[in-house]
């Protein structure tokens, strides 16, 4: 629900893990109009405001999907046409558009990872209907925990029987008392530390696994991906 909790960096790093560690054919679908994931993985790409056209079925998804420098990893990039995505879905009037598009792509990919915009609205509902697992990153703070509770309440009321939610503490700073307390209160929740190597992803245009796989953050991402694969296998 909240912005600024590291959704994009986590999505990019997990997409890398799926492709590089598990050797799975992987698509990272950037649904955030800020297009940060697209900037990290495809900095030379020239945006042509086509992302919305895919959702409206004016052009096939394959027309905008591009390869990356990482074997087995493709990208469906975002652009400014995705601004006001909730409005786009209301105008389309199709409640399962993302589900149908992912079904069209399942023959090409083993895993499709969606980097989602913040908020709870029509876009969220579309994603919930299409997802096998929802990863919910949160900073170990009172406000993020509150947002997590609101998401769970929303799912219980609006989407009974929906996909499981997998909470993850992200951007963890163990020097902060509030962060230490939050992790102590929920010791089973995976935690990815705040680190300068993560902040360098935008400058290096690469996921952690490419340039800092043995860093604490890189190791945490690998461990998290192992947990995710285990959950997907039992889904």
Protein backbone atom coordinates (compact mmCIF):
# COMPACT_ATOMS: atom_id res chain seq x y z
CA UNK A 1 0.00 0.00 0.00
CA UNK A 2 2.80 2.44 0.87
CA UNK A 3 5.39 3.84 -1.50
CA UNK A 4 9.05 4.04 -0.59
CA UNK A 5 9.29 0.56 0.93
CA UNK A 6 11.58 -0.90 -1.73
CA UNK A 7 9.06 -2.73 -3.91
CA UNK A 8 11.00 -2.08 -7.12
CA UNK A 9 14.46 -3.06 -5.93
CA UNK A 10 12.99 -6.19 -4.38
CA UNK A 11 11.14 -7.08 -7.60
CA UNK A 12 14.26 -6.60 -9.72
CA UNK A 13 16.43 -8.64 -7.37
CA UNK A 14 13.92 -11.49 -7.16
CA UNK A 15 13.50 -11.52 -10.93
CA UNK A 16 17.27 -11.90 -11.20
CA UNK A 17 17.20 -14.74 -8.66
CA UNK A 18 14.47 -16.53 -10.59
CA UNK A 19 16.43 -16.29 -13.85
CA UNK A 20 20.02 -16.65 -12.64
CA UNK A 21 19.74 -18.96 -9.63
CA UNK A 22 16.73 -21.08 -10.56
CA UNK A 23 17.33 -20.88 -14.32
CA UNK A 24 13.65 -20.13 -14.88
CA UNK A 25 12.31 -18.25 -17.86
CA UNK A 26 11.27 -15.07 -16.11
CA UNK A 27 9.35 -11.94 -17.04
CA UNK A 28 9.46 -8.82 -14.90
CA UNK A 29 6.34 -6.78 -15.65
CA UNK A 30 6.77 -3.14 -14.60
CA UNK A 31 3.35 -1.72 -13.74
CA UNK A 32 4.57 1.43 -12.01
CA UNK A 33 4.38 4.63 -14.07
CA UNK A 34 7.66 5.78 -12.51
CA UNK A 35 9.27 2.95 -14.51
CA UNK A 36 12.11 2.53 -12.04
CA UNK A 37 12.49 -1.20 -12.69
CA UNK A 38 12.62 -0.45 -16.41
CA UNK A 39 15.30 2.19 -15.81
CA UNK A 40 17.43 -0.26 -13.84
CA UNK A 41 17.27 -3.08 -16.38
CA UNK A 42 16.93 -1.18 -19.66
CA UNK A 43 18.39 2.32 -19.27
CA UNK A 44 18.92 2.81 -23.01
CA UNK A 45 15.34 2.02 -23.93
CA UNK A 46 13.33 4.92 -25.33
CA UNK A 47 9.84 4.95 -23.83
CA UNK A 48 7.07 5.20 -26.40
CA UNK A 49 4.01 5.31 -24.14
CA UNK A 50 2.91 1.81 -25.12
CA UNK A 51 2.37 0.17 -21.73
CA UNK A 52 -1.23 1.31 -21.48
CA UNK A 53 -1.97 0.04 -24.99
CA UNK A 54 -1.08 -3.50 -23.87
CA UNK A 55 -3.65 -3.30 -21.07
CA UNK A 56 -6.24 -1.95 -23.49
CA UNK A 57 -5.41 -4.80 -25.91
CA UNK A 58 -4.52 -2.34 -28.66
CA UNK A 59 -1.13 -4.04 -29.10
CA UNK A 60 0.13 -7.50 -28.04
CA UNK A 61 2.31 -7.73 -24.94
CA UNK A 62 5.02 -9.31 -27.06
CA UNK A 63 5.39 -6.07 -29.02
CA UNK A 64 6.92 -4.27 -26.05
CA UNK A 65 8.64 -7.10 -24.13
CA UNK A 66 12.42 -6.77 -24.39
CA UNK A 67 15.36 -8.89 -23.34
CA UNK A 68 17.83 -7.84 -20.65
CA UNK A 69 21.53 -8.45 -20.12
CA UNK A 70 20.57 -11.28 -17.77
CA UNK A 71 19.96 -14.63 -19.51
CA UNK A 72 16.42 -15.96 -19.07
CA UNK A 73 15.12 -12.56 -17.87
CA UNK A 74 12.82 -10.41 -20.01
CA UNK A 75 11.18 -7.10 -19.16
CA UNK A 76 7.77 -5.67 -19.98
CA UNK A 77 8.64 -2.02 -19.41
CA UNK A 78 6.51 0.74 -17.94
CA UNK A 79 6.15 4.31 -19.14
CA UNK A 80 4.20 7.46 -18.34
CA UNK A 81 1.05 6.13 -20.03
CA UNK A 82 0.46 4.08 -16.86
CA UNK A 83 -0.21 7.21 -14.79
CA UNK A 84 -3.63 6.93 -13.26
CA UNK A 85 -3.65 3.17 -13.73
CA UNK A 86 -6.74 2.76 -11.55
CA UNK A 87 -8.63 5.01 -13.96
CA UNK A 88 -7.38 2.97 -16.91
CA UNK A 89 -8.85 -0.20 -15.44
CA UNK A 90 -12.14 1.51 -14.65
CA UNK A 91 -12.35 2.73 -18.24
CA UNK A 92 -11.51 -0.71 -19.62
CA UNK A 93 -14.22 -2.31 -17.50
CA UNK A 94 -12.56 -5.73 -17.45
CA UNK A 95 -11.91 -7.06 -13.95
CA UNK A 96 -9.55 -9.83 -15.06
CA UNK A 97 -7.46 -8.06 -17.69
CA UNK A 98 -4.08 -8.72 -15.99
CA UNK A 99 -5.11 -12.33 -15.36
CA UNK A 100 -5.90 -12.83 -19.04
CA UNK A 101 -2.64 -11.23 -20.13
CA UNK A 102 -0.56 -13.36 -17.76
CA UNK A 103 -2.39 -16.45 -18.98
CA UNK A 104 -1.41 -15.52 -22.54
CA UNK A 105 2.24 -15.36 -21.45
CA UNK A 106 2.40 -18.53 -19.36
CA UNK A 107 3.60 -20.63 -22.26
CA UNK A 108 6.65 -18.39 -22.61
CA UNK A 109 7.63 -17.96 -18.96
CA UNK A 110 7.95 -20.04 -15.82
CA UNK A 111 7.63 -17.03 -13.54
CA UNK A 112 6.02 -13.62 -14.06
CA UNK A 113 6.93 -11.06 -11.41
CA UNK A 114 4.89 -7.86 -11.23
CA UNK A 115 6.35 -4.65 -9.87
CA UNK A 116 3.23 -2.92 -8.63
CA UNK A 117 2.39 0.72 -7.90
CA UNK A 118 1.37 1.60 -4.33
CA UNK A 119 -2.26 1.87 -3.28
CA UNK A 120 -5.44 -0.15 -2.87
CA UNK A 121 -7.83 0.19 -5.80
CA UNK A 122 -8.79 -1.35 -9.15
CA UNK A 123 -5.15 -2.08 -10.00
CA UNK A 124 -4.68 -3.95 -6.73
CA UNK A 125 -7.85 -5.95 -7.40
CA UNK A 126 -6.55 -6.89 -10.87
CA UNK A 127 -3.26 -8.09 -9.40
CA UNK A 128 -4.93 -10.08 -6.63
CA UNK A 129 -7.07 -11.93 -9.17
CA UNK A 130 -4.03 -12.91 -11.22
CA UNK A 131 -1.37 -13.66 -8.57
CA UNK A 132 -0.28 -16.97 -7.10
CA UNK A 133 1.57 -15.22 -4.28
CA UNK A 134 1.64 -11.60 -3.11
CA UNK A 135 4.87 -10.34 -1.60
CA UNK A 136 4.28 -7.40 0.71
CA UNK A 137 7.48 -5.52 1.62
CA UNK A 138 7.34 -3.21 4.60
CA UNK A 139 9.79 -1.20 6.61
CA UNK A 140 9.83 -2.38 10.27
CA UNK A 141 7.84 0.61 11.51
CA UNK A 142 4.45 1.35 13.00
CA UNK A 143 3.09 2.94 9.82
CA UNK A 144 4.20 0.07 7.60
CA UNK A 145 2.75 -2.49 10.00
CA UNK A 146 -0.49 -0.51 9.94
CA UNK A 147 -0.50 -0.57 6.13
CA UNK A 148 0.06 -4.33 6.22
CA UNK A 149 -2.92 -4.77 8.53
CA UNK A 150 -5.08 -2.67 6.20
CA UNK A 151 -4.08 -4.83 3.23
CA UNK A 152 -4.98 -8.01 5.11
CA UNK A 153 -8.33 -6.52 6.10
CA UNK A 154 -8.99 -5.48 2.50
CA UNK A 155 -8.22 -8.98 1.25
CA UNK A 156 -10.42 -10.60 3.86
CA UNK A 157 -13.39 -8.39 3.02
CA UNK A 158 -13.01 -7.97 -0.75
CA UNK A 159 -11.11 -11.04 -1.92
CA UNK A 160 -11.92 -14.07 0.19
CA UNK A 161 -9.96 -17.09 -0.95
CA UNK A 162 -7.36 -14.92 -2.67
CA UNK A 163 -3.64 -15.65 -2.94
CA UNK A 164 -1.53 -15.92 0.21
CA UNK A 165 0.30 -12.84 1.47
CA UNK A 166 4.01 -13.15 2.18
CA UNK A 167 5.20 -10.21 4.36
CA UNK A 168 8.85 -9.18 4.16
CA UNK A 169 10.76 -6.66 6.23
CA UNK A 170 12.69 -4.53 3.75
CA UNK A 171 15.24 -1.72 4.17
CA UNK A 172 15.97 -2.94 7.68
CA UNK A 173 18.32 -0.83 9.80
CA UNK A 174 19.29 -2.81 12.88
CA UNK A 175 20.74 0.32 14.46
CA UNK A 176 17.19 1.57 14.92
CA UNK A 177 15.40 0.47 18.03
CA UNK A 178 11.99 0.37 16.31
CA UNK A 179 13.35 -1.92 13.60
CA UNK A 180 14.90 -4.29 16.12
CA UNK A 181 11.67 -4.40 18.11
CA UNK A 182 9.53 -5.09 15.02
CA UNK A 183 11.76 -7.99 14.00
CA UNK A 184 11.82 -9.36 17.55
CA UNK A 185 8.01 -9.27 17.59
CA UNK A 186 7.85 -11.20 14.30
CA UNK A 187 10.99 -13.39 14.19
CA UNK A 188 9.74 -15.55 11.33
CA UNK A 189 9.41 -12.68 8.87
CA UNK A 190 12.24 -12.52 6.27
CA UNK A 191 14.37 -9.39 6.47
CA UNK A 192 16.42 -7.62 3.80
CA UNK A 193 18.81 -5.01 5.21
CA UNK A 194 19.13 -1.41 4.12
CA UNK A 195 22.46 -1.10 2.32
CA UNK A 196 24.33 1.24 0.04
CA UNK A 197 24.80 -1.58 -2.47
CA UNK A 198 21.03 -1.66 -2.95
CA UNK A 199 20.95 2.07 -3.57
CA UNK A 200 23.60 1.58 -6.26
CA UNK A 201 21.26 -0.51 -8.42
CA UNK A 202 19.98 2.55 -10.28
CA UNK A 203 23.53 3.74 -11.01
CA UNK A 204 24.87 0.32 -11.98
CA UNK A 205 21.71 -0.64 -13.88
CA UNK A 206 21.90 -4.12 -12.46
CA UNK A 207 20.47 -6.26 -9.66
CA UNK A 208 22.51 -7.11 -6.58
CA UNK A 209 23.29 -10.60 -7.82
CA UNK A 210 25.37 -9.14 -10.65
CA UNK A 211 27.77 -7.01 -8.59
CA UNK A 212 27.24 -7.78 -4.88
CA UNK A 213 25.89 -11.33 -4.50
CA UNK A 214 27.82 -11.96 -1.25
CA UNK A 215 26.78 -8.73 0.43
CA UNK A 216 24.36 -9.09 3.37
CA UNK A 217 21.55 -7.75 1.22
CA UNK A 218 22.46 -10.04 -1.68
CA UNK A 219 22.51 -13.08 0.61
CA UNK A 220 19.17 -12.04 2.13
CA UNK A 221 17.58 -11.79 -1.34
CA UNK A 222 18.83 -15.27 -2.26
CA UNK A 223 17.45 -16.68 0.99
CA UNK A 224 14.13 -14.91 0.37
CA UNK A 225 13.90 -16.31 -3.15
CA UNK A 226 14.46 -19.82 -1.81
CA UNK A 227 11.51 -19.32 0.54
CA UNK A 228 9.35 -17.99 -2.28
CA UNK A 229 10.13 -20.96 -4.55
CA UNK A 230 9.25 -23.30 -1.72
CA UNK A 231 5.89 -21.58 -1.31
CA UNK A 232 5.24 -21.59 -5.07
CA UNK A 233 5.99 -25.31 -5.24
CA UNK A 234 3.37 -26.02 -2.60
CA UNK A 235 0.77 -23.59 -4.02
